[in-house]
Amino acid sequence: MKICRLTIQEIDDYQSDIADMLRQSFEKSFPNHRYDSMIFYDRIEKLKTYMRADKAIVIGIKEDNHLLGFIWFFEKVIPGGNVIHINHFVVHDKYRALGLGRALIEEVEKHAKRQGVSQIELFVTKDNVDAVRFYEKRDFKIERFVMTKRLW
């Protein structure tokens, strides 16, 4: 297995793996929704646009000709400094509980330290209990709640 920063070409090469993992992530986080697979490919195109503008970094774990997991993040300015925001973080369901997620989050932490960024943030749905547990084990704390009101 190899952990590395992915290029736009590799995003293209692993497009079907990325789309499949995005689908898995969305289905885990929002189990009552159904998704057209095109939304995942559209998201990949947006990712490449962000990468071209140096506004996104993707670190992946590769083995043979497959992407086993990835973490997509960017740095943003907030009052008091910068923060790393994790946009998507997925390990393929066949490769979970093998330490791959831990390895990916550690790479983001190393990147943050190199950049002098002292905070990492992300959004996770409350129903994704496995993800919440994963982050809590790594000292992530709840600081804000997103509240919604469904109108229909």
C-alpha atoms as a PDB file:
ATOM      1  CA  MET A   1       0.000   0.000   0.000  1.00  0.00           C
ATOM      2  CA  LYS A   2       1.123   3.507  -0.770  1.00  0.00           C
ATOM      3  CA  ILE A   3      -0.111   6.776   0.748  1.00  0.00           C
ATOM      4  CA  CYS A   4       0.434   9.815  -1.453  1.00  0.00           C
ATOM      5  CA  ARG A   5      -0.960  13.101  -2.636  1.00  0.00           C
ATOM      6  CA  LEU A   6      -3.069  12.461  -5.720  1.00  0.00           C
ATOM      7  CA  THR A   7      -2.695  14.365  -8.972  1.00  0.00           C
ATOM      8  CA  ILE A   8      -5.505  15.404 -11.282  1.00  0.00           C
ATOM      9  CA  GLN A   9      -4.449  12.592 -13.633  1.00  0.00           C
ATOM     10  CA  GLU A  10      -4.800  10.080 -10.790  1.00  0.00           C
ATOM     11  CA  ILE A  11      -8.231  11.502  -9.955  1.00  0.00           C
ATOM     12  CA  ASP A  12      -9.153  10.688 -13.568  1.00  0.00           C
ATOM     13  CA  ASP A  13      -7.507   7.240 -13.352  1.00  0.00           C
ATOM     14  CA  TYR A  14      -9.378   6.360 -10.133  1.00  0.00           C
ATOM     15  CA  GLN A  15     -12.616   8.094 -11.062  1.00  0.00           C
ATOM     16  CA  SER A  16     -14.812   4.993 -10.735  1.00  0.00           C
ATOM     17  CA  ASP A  17     -13.237   4.078  -7.353  1.00  0.00           C
ATOM     18  CA  ILE A  18     -13.783   7.642  -6.090  1.00  0.00           C
ATOM     19  CA  ALA A  19     -17.386   7.729  -7.326  1.00  0.00           C
ATOM     20  CA  ASP A  20     -18.069   4.368  -5.653  1.00  0.00           C
ATOM     21  CA  MET A  21     -16.585   5.548  -2.342  1.00  0.00           C
ATOM     22  CA  LEU A  22     -18.538   8.824  -2.502  1.00  0.00           C
ATOM     23  CA  ARG A  23     -21.709   6.790  -3.039  1.00  0.00           C
ATOM     24  CA  GLN A  24     -20.850   4.612  -0.020  1.00  0.00           C
ATOM     25  CA  SER A  25     -20.223   7.703   2.094  1.00  0.00           C
ATOM     26  CA  PHE A  26     -23.447   9.427   1.105  1.00  0.00           C
ATOM     27  CA  GLU A  27     -25.504   6.264   1.625  1.00  0.00           C
ATOM     28  CA  LYS A  28     -23.971   5.789   5.088  1.00  0.00           C
ATOM     29  CA  SER A  29     -24.553   9.418   6.048  1.00  0.00           C
ATOM     30  CA  PHE A  30     -27.988   9.802   4.468  1.00  0.00           C
ATOM     31  CA  PRO A  31     -29.534   6.300   4.380  1.00  0.00           C
ATOM     32  CA  ASN A  32     -33.022   7.477   3.403  1.00  0.00           C
ATOM     33  CA  HIS A  33     -31.890   9.168   0.184  1.00  0.00           C
ATOM     34  CA  ARG A  34     -31.225   7.678  -3.233  1.00  0.00           C
ATOM     35  CA  TYR A  35     -28.635   9.200  -5.516  1.00  0.00           C
ATOM     36  CA  ASP A  36     -28.122   9.338  -9.252  1.00  0.00           C
ATOM     37  CA  SER A  37     -24.519   8.248  -9.842  1.00  0.00           C
ATOM     38  CA  MET A  38     -23.933  11.345 -11.984  1.00  0.00           C
ATOM     39  CA  ILE A  39     -23.824  13.552  -8.881  1.00  0.00           C
ATOM     40  CA  PHE A  40     -20.660  11.753  -7.787  1.00  0.00           C
ATOM     41  CA  TYR A  41     -18.987  12.256 -11.157  1.00  0.00           C
ATOM     42  CA  ASP A  42     -20.044  15.923 -11.071  1.00  0.00           C
ATOM     43  CA  ARG A  43     -18.435  16.216  -7.638  1.00  0.00           C
ATOM     44  CA  ILE A  44     -15.220  14.704  -9.027  1.00  0.00           C
ATOM     45  CA  GLU A  45     -15.212  17.316 -11.802  1.00  0.00           C
ATOM     46  CA  LYS A  46     -15.589  20.066  -9.183  1.00  0.00           C
ATOM     47  CA  LEU A  47     -12.726  18.533  -7.227  1.00  0.00           C
ATOM     48  CA  LYS A  48     -10.468  18.704 -10.276  1.00  0.00           C
ATOM     49  CA  THR A  49     -11.429  22.352 -10.783  1.00  0.00           C
ATOM     50  CA  TYR A  50     -10.462  23.093  -7.177  1.00  0.00           C
ATOM     51  CA  MET A  51      -7.196  21.190  -7.591  1.00  0.00           C
ATOM     52  CA  ARG A  52      -6.300  23.176 -10.715  1.00  0.00           C
ATOM     53  CA  ALA A  53      -6.823  26.374  -8.678  1.00  0.00           C
ATOM     54  CA  ASP A  54      -4.729  25.002  -5.767  1.00  0.00           C
ATOM     55  CA  LYS A  55      -7.827  25.010  -3.555  1.00  0.00           C
ATOM     56  CA  ALA A  56      -7.994  21.303  -2.780  1.00  0.00           C
ATOM     57  CA  ILE A  57      -5.614  18.550  -1.779  1.00  0.00           C
ATOM     58  CA  VAL A  58      -6.391  14.849  -2.018  1.00  0.00           C
ATOM     59  CA  ILE A  59      -4.357  12.205  -0.240  1.00  0.00           C
ATOM     60  CA  GLY A  60      -5.068   8.620  -1.193  1.00  0.00           C
ATOM     61  CA  ILE A  61      -4.119   5.091  -0.299  1.00  0.00           C
ATOM     62  CA  LYS A  62      -3.380   3.014  -3.377  1.00  0.00           C
ATOM     63  CA  GLU A  63      -2.724  -0.678  -3.833  1.00  0.00           C
ATOM     64  CA  ASP A  64      -2.190  -2.340  -7.186  1.00  0.00           C
ATOM     65  CA  ASN A  65      -4.464  -0.395  -9.527  1.00  0.00           C
ATOM     66  CA  HIS A  66      -7.093   0.531  -6.948  1.00  0.00           C
ATOM     67  CA  LEU A  67      -7.720   3.445  -4.670  1.00  0.00           C
ATOM     68  CA  LEU A  68      -8.648   2.084  -1.235  1.00  0.00           C
ATOM     69  CA  GLY A  69      -9.459   5.400   0.416  1.00  0.00           C
ATOM     70  CA  PHE A  70      -8.967   9.130   0.140  1.00  0.00           C
ATOM     71  CA  ILE A  71      -9.247  12.352   2.059  1.00  0.00           C
ATOM     72  CA  TRP A  72     -10.056  15.627   0.279  1.00  0.00           C
ATOM     73  CA  PHE A  73      -9.317  18.795   2.210  1.00  0.00           C
ATOM     74  CA  PHE A  74      -8.449  22.467   1.895  1.00  0.00           C
ATOM     75  CA  GLU A  75      -7.159  25.293   4.024  1.00  0.00           C
ATOM     76  CA  LYS A  76      -9.430  28.210   4.827  1.00  0.00           C
ATOM     77  CA  VAL A  77      -9.093  31.451   6.716  1.00  0.00           C
ATOM     78  CA  ILE A  78     -11.184  31.933   9.845  1.00  0.00           C
ATOM     79  CA  PRO A  79     -11.061  34.589  12.555  1.00  0.00           C
ATOM     80  CA  GLY A  80      -7.921  33.904  14.542  1.00  0.00           C
ATOM     81  CA  GLY A  81      -6.029  31.941  11.879  1.00  0.00           C
ATOM     82  CA  ASN A  82      -6.385  29.187   9.336  1.00  0.00           C
ATOM     83  CA  VAL A  83      -8.104  25.831   9.584  1.00  0.00           C
ATOM     84  CA  ILE A  84      -7.934  22.654   7.523  1.00  0.00           C
ATOM     85  CA  HIS A  85     -11.426  21.662   6.421  1.00  0.00           C
ATOM     86  CA  ILE A  86     -11.951  18.030   5.453  1.00  0.00           C
ATOM     87  CA  ASN A  87     -14.468  17.982   2.634  1.00  0.00           C
ATOM     88  CA  HIS A  88     -14.648  14.220   1.989  1.00  0.00           C
ATOM     89  CA  PHE A  89     -13.009  11.357   3.822  1.00  0.00           C
ATOM     90  CA  VAL A  90     -13.772   7.810   2.733  1.00  0.00           C
ATOM     91  CA  VAL A  91     -12.209   4.386   3.014  1.00  0.00           C
ATOM     92  CA  HIS A  92     -13.799   1.797   0.731  1.00  0.00           C
ATOM     93  CA  ASP A  93     -16.112  -0.409   2.779  1.00  0.00           C
ATOM     94  CA  LYS A  94     -14.044  -3.526   1.913  1.00  0.00           C
ATOM     95  CA  TYR A  95     -10.966  -1.984   3.550  1.00  0.00           C
ATOM     96  CA  ARG A  96     -12.367  -0.451   6.741  1.00  0.00           C
ATOM     97  CA  ALA A  97     -11.025  -1.341  10.198  1.00  0.00           C
ATOM     98  CA  LEU A  98      -7.517  -1.923   8.801  1.00  0.00           C
ATOM     99  CA  GLY A  99      -5.977   1.359   9.968  1.00  0.00           C
ATOM    100  CA  LEU A 100      -6.284   3.111   6.601  1.00  0.00           C
ATOM    101  CA  GLY A 101      -8.494   5.893   7.935  1.00  0.00           C
ATOM    102  CA  ARG A 102      -6.091   6.495  10.798  1.00  0.00           C
ATOM    103  CA  ALA A 103      -3.191   6.687   8.330  1.00  0.00           C
ATOM    104  CA  LEU A 104      -5.055   9.198   6.145  1.00  0.00           C
ATOM    105  CA  ILE A 105      -6.043  11.475   9.029  1.00  0.00           C
ATOM    106  CA  GLU A 106      -2.446  11.371  10.300  1.00  0.00           C
ATOM    107  CA  GLU A 107      -1.263  12.579   6.877  1.00  0.00           C
ATOM    108  CA  VAL A 108      -3.634  15.541   7.112  1.00  0.00           C
ATOM    109  CA  GLU A 109      -2.345  16.292  10.612  1.00  0.00           C
ATOM    110  CA  LYS A 110       1.243  16.245   9.316  1.00  0.00           C
ATOM    111  CA  HIS A 111       0.263  18.581   6.488  1.00  0.00           C
ATOM    112  CA  ALA A 112      -1.441  20.952   8.963  1.00  0.00           C
ATOM    113  CA  LYS A 113       1.652  21.037  11.191  1.00  0.00           C
ATOM    114  CA  ARG A 114       3.931  21.755   8.213  1.00  0.00           C
ATOM    115  CA  GLN A 115       1.643  24.645   7.240  1.00  0.00           C
ATOM    116  CA  GLY A 116       1.413  25.980  10.790  1.00  0.00           C
ATOM    117  CA  VAL A 117      -2.315  25.226  10.978  1.00  0.00           C
ATOM    118  CA  SER A 118      -3.424  24.190  14.439  1.00  0.00           C
ATOM    119  CA  GLN A 119      -7.023  23.158  13.759  1.00  0.00           C
ATOM    120  CA  ILE A 120      -8.844  20.616  11.598  1.00  0.00           C
ATOM    121  CA  GLU A 121     -12.602  20.650  11.117  1.00  0.00           C
ATOM    122  CA  LEU A 122     -15.176  18.558   9.294  1.00  0.00           C
ATOM    123  CA  PHE A 123     -18.867  17.844   9.125  1.00  0.00           C
ATOM    124  CA  VAL A 124     -20.305  14.448  10.012  1.00  0.00           C
ATOM    125  CA  THR A 125     -23.939  13.386  10.199  1.00  0.00           C
ATOM    126  CA  LYS A 126     -25.132  12.373  13.652  1.00  0.00           C
ATOM    127  CA  ASP A 127     -26.511   9.104  12.271  1.00  0.00           C
ATOM    128  CA  ASN A 128     -23.090   8.028  10.983  1.00  0.00           C
ATOM    129  CA  VAL A 129     -22.205   6.524  14.362  1.00  0.00           C
ATOM    130  CA  ASP A 130     -19.081   4.735  13.085  1.00  0.00           C
ATOM    131  CA  ALA A 131     -17.628   7.987  11.755  1.00  0.00           C
ATOM    132  CA  VAL A 132     -18.508   9.911  14.919  1.00  0.00           C
ATOM    133  CA  ARG A 133     -16.766   7.229  17.009  1.00  0.00           C
ATOM    134  CA  PHE A 134     -13.729   7.306  14.691  1.00  0.00           C
ATOM    135  CA  TYR A 135     -13.349  11.072  15.098  1.00  0.00           C
ATOM    136  CA  GLU A 136     -13.944  11.024  18.847  1.00  0.00           C
ATOM    137  CA  LYS A 137     -11.148   8.447  19.238  1.00  0.00           C
ATOM    138  CA  ARG A 138      -8.875  10.955  17.507  1.00  0.00           C
ATOM    139  CA  ASP A 139      -9.792  13.817  19.866  1.00  0.00           C
ATOM    140  CA  PHE A 140     -12.229  15.632  17.580  1.00  0.00           C
ATOM    141  CA  LYS A 141     -14.828  17.530  19.616  1.00  0.00           C
ATOM    142  CA  ILE A 142     -18.243  18.883  18.733  1.00  0.00           C
ATOM    143  CA  GLU A 143     -18.065  22.667  18.573  1.00  0.00           C
ATOM    144  CA  ARG A 144     -21.108  23.570  16.500  1.00  0.00           C
ATOM    145  CA  PHE A 145     -24.416  22.082  15.496  1.00  0.00           C
ATOM    146  CA  VAL A 146     -26.010  22.470  12.091  1.00  0.00           C
ATOM    147  CA  MET A 147     -29.746  22.830  12.520  1.00  0.00           C
ATOM    148  CA  THR A 148     -32.179  22.377   9.654  1.00  0.00           C
ATOM    149  CA  LYS A 149     -35.874  22.747   9.139  1.00  0.00           C
ATOM    150  CA  ARG A 150     -37.479  20.699   6.357  1.00  0.00           C
ATOM    151  CA  LEU A 151     -40.240  22.598   4.607  1.00  0.00           C
ATOM    152  CA  TRP A 152     -41.504  19.657   2.544  1.00  0.00           C
END
